[in-house]
Amino acid sequence: MEIKILKDEKNEIEVEFDNLTIVEILRVYLNKDSSVKFAAWKREHPTKNPILKVKTEGKAAKKVINDAIAGIDKELDSFEKDFAKLK
């Protein structure tokens, strides 16, 4: 997966991803964090990559994204274990 940081400040970050599904999952998890004041993505055209914009208060924007990724990873591990029990 290709990731490109377009803007990187302590409380604001803009990141371009090449995968819309990942951006949407991240947006959902980011909006669960109380320190996130804004998390949304945009795409100028369907042929362009989506850009995730995050604004925070109290936590660094990169930290919030890392926390969201950790939460997603933990939930996927749990899902994998539950699915394996079904066999």
N, C-alpha and C. Protein backbone atom coordinates (compact mmCIF):
# COMPACT_ATOMS: atom_id res chain seq x y z
N MET A 1 0.84 -1.17 0.00
CA MET A 1 0.00 0.00 0.00
C MET A 1 0.89 1.24 0.00
N GLU A 2 0.49 2.19 -0.79
CA GLU A 2 1.24 3.43 -0.89
C GLU A 2 0.57 4.50 -0.03
N ILE A 3 1.37 5.18 0.81
CA ILE A 3 0.89 6.24 1.69
C ILE A 3 1.78 7.46 1.47
N LYS A 4 1.15 8.61 1.32
CA LYS A 4 1.90 9.84 1.10
C LYS A 4 1.38 10.92 2.05
N ILE A 5 2.26 11.45 2.89
CA ILE A 5 1.86 12.51 3.82
C ILE A 5 1.94 13.84 3.08
N LEU A 6 0.81 14.53 3.04
CA LEU A 6 0.73 15.80 2.34
C LEU A 6 0.91 16.99 3.28
N LYS A 7 0.45 16.82 4.51
CA LYS A 7 0.56 17.88 5.52
C LYS A 7 0.80 17.19 6.85
N ASP A 8 1.78 17.68 7.61
CA ASP A 8 2.12 17.04 8.87
C ASP A 8 2.41 18.10 9.93
N GLU A 9 1.40 18.37 10.73
CA GLU A 9 1.55 19.26 11.88
C GLU A 9 1.14 18.48 13.12
N LYS A 10 1.42 19.02 14.29
CA LYS A 10 1.14 18.29 15.52
C LYS A 10 -0.33 17.88 15.62
N ASN A 11 -1.24 18.82 15.40
CA ASN A 11 -2.66 18.55 15.58
C ASN A 11 -3.45 18.42 14.28
N GLU A 12 -2.75 18.35 13.18
CA GLU A 12 -3.44 18.22 11.89
C GLU A 12 -2.54 17.46 10.91
N ILE A 13 -3.17 16.54 10.20
CA ILE A 13 -2.41 15.75 9.23
C ILE A 13 -3.31 15.46 8.02
N GLU A 14 -2.71 15.41 6.85
CA GLU A 14 -3.40 15.00 5.63
C GLU A 14 -2.55 13.91 4.98
N VAL A 15 -3.19 12.78 4.73
CA VAL A 15 -2.48 11.63 4.20
C VAL A 15 -3.23 11.09 2.98
N GLU A 16 -2.49 10.85 1.92
CA GLU A 16 -3.07 10.26 0.71
C GLU A 16 -2.82 8.76 0.73
N PHE A 17 -3.87 7.99 0.54
CA PHE A 17 -3.80 6.53 0.50
C PHE A 17 -4.18 6.06 -0.90
N ASP A 18 -3.78 4.86 -1.24
CA ASP A 18 -4.18 4.30 -2.53
C ASP A 18 -5.32 3.30 -2.39
N ASN A 19 -5.95 3.27 -1.19
CA ASN A 19 -6.99 2.29 -0.93
C ASN A 19 -8.16 2.96 -0.19
N LEU A 20 -9.28 3.07 -0.84
CA LEU A 20 -10.45 3.73 -0.26
C LEU A 20 -11.01 2.98 0.94
N THR A 21 -10.97 1.66 0.90
CA THR A 21 -11.50 0.86 2.00
C THR A 21 -10.74 1.12 3.29
N ILE A 22 -9.43 1.17 3.22
CA ILE A 22 -8.60 1.44 4.40
C ILE A 22 -8.90 2.83 4.95
N VAL A 23 -9.05 3.81 4.08
CA VAL A 23 -9.34 5.18 4.51
C VAL A 23 -10.67 5.24 5.25
N GLU A 24 -11.68 4.55 4.74
CA GLU A 24 -13.00 4.58 5.38
C GLU A 24 -12.98 3.88 6.74
N ILE A 25 -12.29 2.76 6.84
CA ILE A 25 -12.17 2.07 8.13
C ILE A 25 -11.44 2.96 9.13
N LEU A 26 -10.36 3.58 8.70
CA LEU A 26 -9.63 4.50 9.58
C LEU A 26 -10.51 5.65 10.04
N ARG A 27 -11.28 6.21 9.13
CA ARG A 27 -12.16 7.33 9.48
C ARG A 27 -13.14 6.93 10.58
N VAL A 28 -13.72 5.75 10.46
CA VAL A 28 -14.67 5.28 11.47
C VAL A 28 -13.99 5.14 12.83
N TYR A 29 -12.84 4.53 12.86
CA TYR A 29 -12.12 4.35 14.13
C TYR A 29 -11.63 5.68 14.69
N LEU A 30 -11.18 6.56 13.85
CA LEU A 30 -10.70 7.87 14.32
C LEU A 30 -11.84 8.65 14.97
N ASN A 31 -13.02 8.58 14.42
CA ASN A 31 -14.15 9.32 14.97
C ASN A 31 -14.64 8.77 16.30
N LYS A 32 -14.16 7.61 16.71
CA LYS A 32 -14.47 7.05 18.03
C LYS A 32 -13.60 7.66 19.11
N ASP A 33 -12.49 8.28 18.74
CA ASP A 33 -11.53 8.87 19.68
C ASP A 33 -11.98 10.28 20.06
N SER A 34 -12.10 10.53 21.36
CA SER A 34 -12.60 11.84 21.84
C SER A 34 -11.63 12.98 21.54
N SER A 35 -10.37 12.71 21.30
CA SER A 35 -9.42 13.77 21.00
C SER A 35 -9.45 14.17 19.51
N VAL A 36 -10.17 13.42 18.71
CA VAL A 36 -10.30 13.75 17.28
C VAL A 36 -11.45 14.73 17.11
N LYS A 37 -11.14 15.89 16.59
CA LYS A 37 -12.15 16.92 16.35
C LYS A 37 -12.71 16.85 14.94
N PHE A 38 -11.93 16.28 14.02
CA PHE A 38 -12.37 16.15 12.63
C PHE A 38 -11.59 15.02 11.98
N ALA A 39 -12.31 14.12 11.34
CA ALA A 39 -11.68 13.05 10.56
C ALA A 39 -12.59 12.74 9.39
N ALA A 40 -12.10 13.00 8.20
CA ALA A 40 -12.87 12.75 6.99
C ALA A 40 -11.91 12.56 5.82
N TRP A 41 -12.43 12.00 4.77
CA TRP A 41 -11.63 11.85 3.56
C TRP A 41 -12.35 12.51 2.40
N LYS A 42 -11.57 12.85 1.41
CA LYS A 42 -12.13 13.43 0.18
C LYS A 42 -11.38 12.83 -1.00
N ARG A 43 -12.02 12.93 -2.14
CA ARG A 43 -11.41 12.45 -3.37
C ARG A 43 -11.89 13.40 -4.46
N GLU A 44 -10.99 14.03 -5.14
CA GLU A 44 -11.34 15.01 -6.15
C GLU A 44 -12.05 14.38 -7.34
N HIS A 45 -11.71 13.15 -7.64
CA HIS A 45 -12.29 12.46 -8.79
C HIS A 45 -12.15 10.96 -8.53
N PRO A 46 -13.08 10.14 -9.01
CA PRO A 46 -12.98 8.70 -8.77
C PRO A 46 -11.66 8.06 -9.22
N THR A 47 -10.95 8.70 -10.13
CA THR A 47 -9.67 8.15 -10.56
C THR A 47 -8.51 8.59 -9.68
N LYS A 48 -8.77 9.49 -8.74
CA LYS A 48 -7.74 10.00 -7.83
C LYS A 48 -7.76 9.24 -6.51
N ASN A 49 -6.65 9.25 -5.80
CA ASN A 49 -6.56 8.60 -4.49
C ASN A 49 -7.27 9.45 -3.43
N PRO A 50 -7.86 8.79 -2.43
CA PRO A 50 -8.51 9.54 -1.35
C PRO A 50 -7.47 10.16 -0.42
N ILE A 51 -7.85 11.29 0.16
CA ILE A 51 -6.99 12.00 1.12
C ILE A 51 -7.72 12.06 2.45
N LEU A 52 -7.10 11.54 3.48
CA LEU A 52 -7.65 11.55 4.83
C LEU A 52 -7.13 12.78 5.56
N LYS A 53 -8.05 13.56 6.13
CA LYS A 53 -7.67 14.73 6.91
C LYS A 53 -8.12 14.51 8.34
N VAL A 54 -7.20 14.74 9.29
CA VAL A 54 -7.48 14.55 10.70
C VAL A 54 -7.03 15.77 11.48
N LYS A 55 -7.92 16.27 12.33
CA LYS A 55 -7.59 17.35 13.25
C LYS A 55 -7.85 16.85 14.67
N THR A 56 -6.90 17.14 15.55
CA THR A 56 -7.01 16.64 16.91
C THR A 56 -6.87 17.77 17.93
N GLU A 57 -7.20 17.42 19.17
CA GLU A 57 -7.00 18.33 20.29
C GLU A 57 -6.58 17.48 21.49
N GLY A 58 -5.40 17.74 22.00
CA GLY A 58 -4.92 16.99 23.16
C GLY A 58 -3.97 15.85 22.83
N LYS A 59 -4.04 15.32 21.64
CA LYS A 59 -3.15 14.24 21.19
C LYS A 59 -2.60 14.62 19.83
N ALA A 60 -1.40 14.15 19.55
CA ALA A 60 -0.81 14.38 18.22
C ALA A 60 -1.58 13.59 17.17
N ALA A 61 -1.71 14.15 16.00
CA ALA A 61 -2.47 13.52 14.92
C ALA A 61 -1.89 12.16 14.54
N LYS A 62 -0.57 12.05 14.47
CA LYS A 62 0.05 10.76 14.13
C LYS A 62 -0.24 9.72 15.20
N LYS A 63 -0.25 10.12 16.46
CA LYS A 63 -0.54 9.20 17.57
C LYS A 63 -1.96 8.68 17.46
N VAL A 64 -2.88 9.55 17.13
CA VAL A 64 -4.28 9.15 17.00
C VAL A 64 -4.44 8.14 15.87
N ILE A 65 -3.75 8.35 14.76
CA ILE A 65 -3.82 7.40 13.65
C ILE A 65 -3.21 6.07 14.06
N ASN A 66 -2.08 6.11 14.74
CA ASN A 66 -1.46 4.86 15.21
C ASN A 66 -2.38 4.12 16.17
N ASP A 67 -3.06 4.85 17.05
CA ASP A 67 -4.00 4.22 17.99
C ASP A 67 -5.16 3.57 17.24
N ALA A 68 -5.66 4.24 16.21
CA ALA A 68 -6.76 3.69 15.42
C ALA A 68 -6.32 2.42 14.70
N ILE A 69 -5.13 2.43 14.15
CA ILE A 69 -4.60 1.24 13.47
C ILE A 69 -4.45 0.08 14.46
N ALA A 70 -3.97 0.38 15.66
CA ALA A 70 -3.84 -0.65 16.69
C ALA A 70 -5.20 -1.23 17.06
N GLY A 71 -6.22 -0.37 17.15
CA GLY A 71 -7.57 -0.82 17.45
C GLY A 71 -8.13 -1.72 16.36
N ILE A 72 -7.89 -1.34 15.13
CA ILE A 72 -8.34 -2.14 13.99
C ILE A 72 -7.65 -3.50 14.00
N ASP A 73 -6.35 -3.49 14.25
CA ASP A 73 -5.56 -4.73 14.28
C ASP A 73 -6.07 -5.66 15.38
N LYS A 74 -6.36 -5.10 16.55
CA LYS A 74 -6.85 -5.89 17.68
C LYS A 74 -8.21 -6.51 17.35
N GLU A 75 -9.08 -5.73 16.75
CA GLU A 75 -10.40 -6.24 16.40
C GLU A 75 -10.33 -7.32 15.32
N LEU A 76 -9.43 -7.15 14.35
CA LEU A 76 -9.24 -8.17 13.31
C LEU A 76 -8.70 -9.47 13.90
N ASP A 77 -7.78 -9.36 14.86
CA ASP A 77 -7.26 -10.57 15.52
C ASP A 77 -8.38 -11.31 16.24
N SER A 78 -9.23 -10.57 16.93
CA SER A 78 -10.36 -11.16 17.64
C SER A 78 -11.32 -11.84 16.66
N PHE A 79 -11.58 -11.17 15.56
CA PHE A 79 -12.46 -11.73 14.53
C PHE A 79 -11.87 -13.02 13.96
N GLU A 80 -10.56 -13.01 13.73
CA GLU A 80 -9.90 -14.20 13.19
C GLU A 80 -10.01 -15.38 14.15
N LYS A 81 -9.82 -15.12 15.45
CA LYS A 81 -9.94 -16.19 16.44
C LYS A 81 -11.36 -16.72 16.52
N ASP A 82 -12.33 -15.83 16.51
CA ASP A 82 -13.73 -16.26 16.54
C ASP A 82 -14.09 -17.08 15.31
N PHE A 83 -13.60 -16.65 14.16
CA PHE A 83 -13.88 -17.38 12.92
C PHE A 83 -13.23 -18.76 12.93
N ALA A 84 -12.02 -18.87 13.48
CA ALA A 84 -11.32 -20.16 13.54
C ALA A 84 -12.09 -21.14 14.42
N LYS A 85 -12.79 -20.66 15.42
CA LYS A 85 -13.57 -21.53 16.31
C LYS A 85 -14.76 -22.16 15.59
N LEU A 86 -15.18 -21.58 14.50
CA LEU A 86 -16.35 -22.08 13.77
C LEU A 86 -16.05 -23.34 12.97
N LYS A 87 -14.79 -23.65 12.76
CA LYS A 87 -14.41 -24.80 11.94
C LYS A 87 -14.75 -26.10 12.58
